[in-house]
Protein backbone atom coordinates (compact mmCIF):
# COMPACT_ATOMS: atom_id res chain seq x y z
CA UNK A 1 0.00 0.00 0.00
CA UNK A 2 1.61 3.25 -1.16
CA UNK A 3 0.23 5.66 1.48
CA UNK A 4 0.65 3.43 4.53
CA UNK A 5 1.94 5.46 7.50
CA UNK A 6 1.78 8.77 5.60
CA UNK A 7 0.37 12.06 6.79
CA UNK A 8 -2.36 13.76 4.81
CA UNK A 9 -3.08 17.45 4.46
CA UNK A 10 -5.76 19.58 2.85
CA UNK A 11 -4.56 22.77 1.19
CA UNK A 12 -7.00 25.58 0.59
CA UNK A 13 -5.94 27.79 -2.33
CA UNK A 14 -6.50 31.54 -2.42
CA UNK A 15 -9.57 30.95 -4.60
CA UNK A 16 -11.08 28.74 -1.86
CA UNK A 17 -10.63 25.42 -3.69
CA UNK A 18 -9.44 22.62 -1.40
CA UNK A 19 -7.06 19.89 -2.56
CA UNK A 20 -5.93 16.80 -0.63
CA UNK A 21 -2.26 15.81 -0.55
CA UNK A 22 -0.04 13.15 0.95
CA UNK A 23 2.98 14.55 2.78
CA UNK A 24 5.88 12.80 1.06
CA UNK A 25 8.63 14.66 2.92
CA UNK A 26 9.36 17.49 5.31
CA UNK A 27 12.94 18.78 5.22
CA UNK A 28 15.08 21.75 6.20
CA UNK A 29 17.33 23.59 3.80
CA UNK A 30 19.01 27.00 4.11
CA UNK A 31 17.21 27.77 7.41
CA UNK A 32 13.81 27.07 5.85
CA UNK A 33 11.46 24.10 6.19
CA UNK A 34 9.86 22.66 3.06
CA UNK A 35 7.03 20.21 2.45
CA UNK A 36 6.92 17.91 -0.57
CA UNK A 37 3.25 17.12 -1.19
CA UNK A 38 1.70 14.67 -3.65
CA UNK A 39 -1.84 14.24 -4.94
CA UNK A 40 -3.23 11.94 -7.60
CA UNK A 41 -2.24 14.36 -10.36
CA UNK A 42 0.61 16.55 -9.10
CA UNK A 43 3.59 16.95 -6.79
CA UNK A 44 4.04 20.30 -5.08
CA UNK A 45 6.91 21.83 -3.10
CA UNK A 46 5.87 24.42 -0.50
CA UNK A 47 7.71 26.37 2.18
CA UNK A 48 6.50 26.00 5.79
CA UNK A 49 6.13 29.42 7.45
CA UNK A 50 5.65 30.11 11.16
CA UNK A 51 3.77 33.15 12.40
CA UNK A 52 2.38 33.78 15.88
CA UNK A 53 2.73 30.12 16.81
CA UNK A 54 0.84 28.97 13.70
CA UNK A 55 2.26 27.09 10.72
CA UNK A 56 1.10 27.58 7.17
CA UNK A 57 2.28 26.65 3.68
CA UNK A 58 3.48 29.08 1.04
CA UNK A 59 3.85 28.18 -2.62
CA UNK A 60 7.20 28.73 -4.34
CA UNK A 61 6.66 31.08 -7.26
CA UNK A 62 10.31 31.35 -8.27
CA UNK A 63 11.15 28.41 -10.59
CA UNK A 64 14.89 28.77 -9.90
CA UNK A 65 14.36 28.52 -6.13
CA UNK A 66 12.02 25.53 -6.56
CA UNK A 67 14.40 23.70 -8.92
CA UNK A 68 17.42 24.40 -6.73
CA UNK A 69 15.69 23.01 -3.65
CA UNK A 70 14.36 19.95 -5.47
CA UNK A 71 17.83 19.20 -6.90
CA UNK A 72 19.44 19.46 -3.46
CA UNK A 73 16.70 17.30 -1.95
CA UNK A 74 17.20 14.63 -4.64
CA UNK A 75 20.97 14.61 -4.07
CA UNK A 76 20.41 14.18 -0.31
CA UNK A 77 17.94 11.33 -0.87
CA UNK A 78 20.31 9.54 -3.24
CA UNK A 79 23.24 10.01 -0.86
CA UNK A 80 21.27 8.65 2.08
CA UNK A 81 20.26 5.58 0.07
CA UNK A 82 23.87 4.79 -0.83
CA UNK A 83 25.23 5.66 2.61
CA UNK A 84 27.28 8.59 1.31
CA UNK A 85 25.55 11.19 3.50
CA UNK A 86 27.91 12.53 6.20
C-alpha atoms as a PDB file:
ATOM      1  CA  UNK A   1       0.000   0.000   0.000  1.00  0.00           C
ATOM      2  CA  UNK A   2       1.614   3.251  -1.161  1.00  0.00           C
ATOM      3  CA  UNK A   3       0.230   5.656   1.479  1.00  0.00           C
ATOM      4  CA  UNK A   4       0.655   3.434   4.528  1.00  0.00           C
ATOM      5  CA  UNK A   5       1.938   5.459   7.501  1.00  0.00           C
ATOM      6  CA  UNK A   6       1.778   8.768   5.603  1.00  0.00           C
ATOM      7  CA  UNK A   7       0.372  12.059   6.788  1.00  0.00           C
ATOM      8  CA  UNK A   8      -2.357  13.762   4.807  1.00  0.00           C
ATOM      9  CA  UNK A   9      -3.076  17.452   4.460  1.00  0.00           C
ATOM     10  CA  UNK A  10      -5.762  19.580   2.846  1.00  0.00           C
ATOM     11  CA  UNK A  11      -4.565  22.774   1.193  1.00  0.00           C
ATOM     12  CA  UNK A  12      -6.997  25.583   0.586  1.00  0.00           C
ATOM     13  CA  UNK A  13      -5.940  27.786  -2.331  1.00  0.00           C
ATOM     14  CA  UNK A  14      -6.504  31.539  -2.416  1.00  0.00           C
ATOM     15  CA  UNK A  15      -9.570  30.947  -4.598  1.00  0.00           C
ATOM     16  CA  UNK A  16     -11.077  28.736  -1.857  1.00  0.00           C
ATOM     17  CA  UNK A  17     -10.628  25.419  -3.687  1.00  0.00           C
ATOM     18  CA  UNK A  18      -9.443  22.619  -1.396  1.00  0.00           C
ATOM     19  CA  UNK A  19      -7.065  19.888  -2.558  1.00  0.00           C
ATOM     20  CA  UNK A  20      -5.930  16.805  -0.626  1.00  0.00           C
ATOM     21  CA  UNK A  21      -2.261  15.806  -0.549  1.00  0.00           C
ATOM     22  CA  UNK A  22      -0.036  13.146   0.952  1.00  0.00           C
ATOM     23  CA  UNK A  23       2.982  14.554   2.783  1.00  0.00           C
ATOM     24  CA  UNK A  24       5.878  12.803   1.057  1.00  0.00           C
ATOM     25  CA  UNK A  25       8.628  14.663   2.918  1.00  0.00           C
ATOM     26  CA  UNK A  26       9.364  17.489   5.312  1.00  0.00           C
ATOM     27  CA  UNK A  27      12.938  18.775   5.223  1.00  0.00           C
ATOM     28  CA  UNK A  28      15.083  21.748   6.197  1.00  0.00           C
ATOM     29  CA  UNK A  29      17.335  23.595   3.800  1.00  0.00           C
ATOM     30  CA  UNK A  30      19.006  26.999   4.112  1.00  0.00           C
ATOM     31  CA  UNK A  31      17.214  27.771   7.411  1.00  0.00           C
ATOM     32  CA  UNK A  32      13.806  27.066   5.847  1.00  0.00           C
ATOM     33  CA  UNK A  33      11.462  24.104   6.190  1.00  0.00           C
ATOM     34  CA  UNK A  34       9.863  22.661   3.059  1.00  0.00           C
ATOM     35  CA  UNK A  35       7.033  20.207   2.454  1.00  0.00           C
ATOM     36  CA  UNK A  36       6.919  17.913  -0.569  1.00  0.00           C
ATOM     37  CA  UNK A  37       3.245  17.121  -1.188  1.00  0.00           C
ATOM     38  CA  UNK A  38       1.696  14.671  -3.649  1.00  0.00           C
ATOM     39  CA  UNK A  39      -1.838  14.238  -4.942  1.00  0.00           C
ATOM     40  CA  UNK A  40      -3.231  11.939  -7.602  1.00  0.00           C
ATOM     41  CA  UNK A  41      -2.242  14.355 -10.363  1.00  0.00           C
ATOM     42  CA  UNK A  42       0.611  16.552  -9.097  1.00  0.00           C
ATOM     43  CA  UNK A  43       3.594  16.947  -6.795  1.00  0.00           C
ATOM     44  CA  UNK A  44       4.040  20.304  -5.076  1.00  0.00           C
ATOM     45  CA  UNK A  45       6.907  21.830  -3.104  1.00  0.00           C
ATOM     46  CA  UNK A  46       5.874  24.416  -0.500  1.00  0.00           C
ATOM     47  CA  UNK A  47       7.705  26.373   2.178  1.00  0.00           C
ATOM     48  CA  UNK A  48       6.500  26.003   5.789  1.00  0.00           C
ATOM     49  CA  UNK A  49       6.134  29.416   7.454  1.00  0.00           C
ATOM     50  CA  UNK A  50       5.654  30.110  11.163  1.00  0.00           C
ATOM     51  CA  UNK A  51       3.770  33.147  12.397  1.00  0.00           C
ATOM     52  CA  UNK A  52       2.379  33.785  15.882  1.00  0.00           C
ATOM     53  CA  UNK A  53       2.727  30.116  16.814  1.00  0.00           C
ATOM     54  CA  UNK A  54       0.839  28.971  13.700  1.00  0.00           C
ATOM     55  CA  UNK A  55       2.258  27.090  10.722  1.00  0.00           C
ATOM     56  CA  UNK A  56       1.095  27.579   7.172  1.00  0.00           C
ATOM     57  CA  UNK A  57       2.277  26.645   3.680  1.00  0.00           C
ATOM     58  CA  UNK A  58       3.477  29.085   1.044  1.00  0.00           C
ATOM     59  CA  UNK A  59       3.855  28.181  -2.624  1.00  0.00           C
ATOM     60  CA  UNK A  60       7.199  28.731  -4.337  1.00  0.00           C
ATOM     61  CA  UNK A  61       6.658  31.078  -7.260  1.00  0.00           C
ATOM     62  CA  UNK A  62      10.309  31.347  -8.269  1.00  0.00           C
ATOM     63  CA  UNK A  63      11.151  28.414 -10.589  1.00  0.00           C
ATOM     64  CA  UNK A  64      14.888  28.774  -9.904  1.00  0.00           C
ATOM     65  CA  UNK A  65      14.355  28.521  -6.133  1.00  0.00           C
ATOM     66  CA  UNK A  66      12.022  25.530  -6.556  1.00  0.00           C
ATOM     67  CA  UNK A  67      14.398  23.700  -8.924  1.00  0.00           C
ATOM     68  CA  UNK A  68      17.425  24.396  -6.726  1.00  0.00           C
ATOM     69  CA  UNK A  69      15.687  23.014  -3.645  1.00  0.00           C
ATOM     70  CA  UNK A  70      14.363  19.951  -5.472  1.00  0.00           C
ATOM     71  CA  UNK A  71      17.829  19.199  -6.896  1.00  0.00           C
ATOM     72  CA  UNK A  72      19.442  19.463  -3.458  1.00  0.00           C
ATOM     73  CA  UNK A  73      16.698  17.299  -1.951  1.00  0.00           C
ATOM     74  CA  UNK A  74      17.197  14.632  -4.644  1.00  0.00           C
ATOM     75  CA  UNK A  75      20.966  14.611  -4.067  1.00  0.00           C
ATOM     76  CA  UNK A  76      20.411  14.180  -0.314  1.00  0.00           C
ATOM     77  CA  UNK A  77      17.936  11.329  -0.873  1.00  0.00           C
ATOM     78  CA  UNK A  78      20.307   9.537  -3.244  1.00  0.00           C
ATOM     79  CA  UNK A  79      23.245  10.007  -0.862  1.00  0.00           C
ATOM     80  CA  UNK A  80      21.267   8.648   2.078  1.00  0.00           C
ATOM     81  CA  UNK A  81      20.257   5.582   0.067  1.00  0.00           C
ATOM     82  CA  UNK A  82      23.870   4.788  -0.827  1.00  0.00           C
ATOM     83  CA  UNK A  83      25.226   5.655   2.606  1.00  0.00           C
ATOM     84  CA  UNK A  84      27.276   8.590   1.308  1.00  0.00           C
ATOM     85  CA  UNK A  85      25.554  11.190   3.501  1.00  0.00           C
ATOM     86  CA  UNK A  86      27.910  12.526   6.201  1.00  0.00           C
END
